[in-house]
């Protein structure tokens, strides 16, 4: 545990020796603050004249403003996280310091959990910045504090899963910038897949002349394929959580996703050490 703390502390401090830590926190503060102000002003306009915006009455505050804001924060962290993860292991390989690190009495788990813990610490700082925006609502709305806390937890869980993916990519690629670009590409692909899957028809669009047996087979595969595409995007599981709705499957998804990619990171690090 002491080794994990030492590596995590060293890695966390290194974020703020270079400009990367200040850049990502500055971008998060700017983007979340701007989105918060614009979204809140838009909701105020809608609540004053709901009929002009297609609502029959004043829309629900959590559904119209709060949930989309938390999901936006999670998506924003997803696309900014490569700045954090690209250097976790890739930089050690690129500088040749991984061999020096392995000469110390450290296990692979100390390195991986220490690196991942430092990334989570940066994520917590980002959550604090988001929480500062959300706390401005408390004097003016009757939103329950538990709903706000659960929304912040949804952003944290989504960010945790995203960081585990980036850590795994960083363990595969030697150059940090390349690792960051690959991570960004994967997140973008998952985001696009989620949007495309939502627009797919619920039933396979097959002609009426299609053979009945083949039609049943194709429809089953299509339903399974569509279900997988809908479950794949990381942001889809945060929508209900951001409303304060407790769904065990959503929480389990993020923890299983995190555990899976950390497991792959272990295998990747072991394979590199074995080759050397």
Foldseek 3Di string as FASTA:
>chain_A
DVLLQVLLVVLLVVCVVDCLLVVLLVVLLVVLLVLLVVLVVVLVVCQVPVVVVPDPHRDDCLQRRQLVSLLVSLLSLLLSCLSLLLCLQLVCLQVVVVVVVVVPPDDPCSSLSSSLNNSLVSVVSSLVSNVVSVVVCVVPDPDDPLLVVLSSVLSSLSSLLSSLQLNLLNLQHNHSVVSSVVSNVVLVVLVVLQVVLVPDDQFPPDDPPPDPVVRVVVRVVVNVVSVCSNPRHSSNLSSCSSSVDDDPVSSVVSVVSNVVSSVSSVVSVVVVVVVD
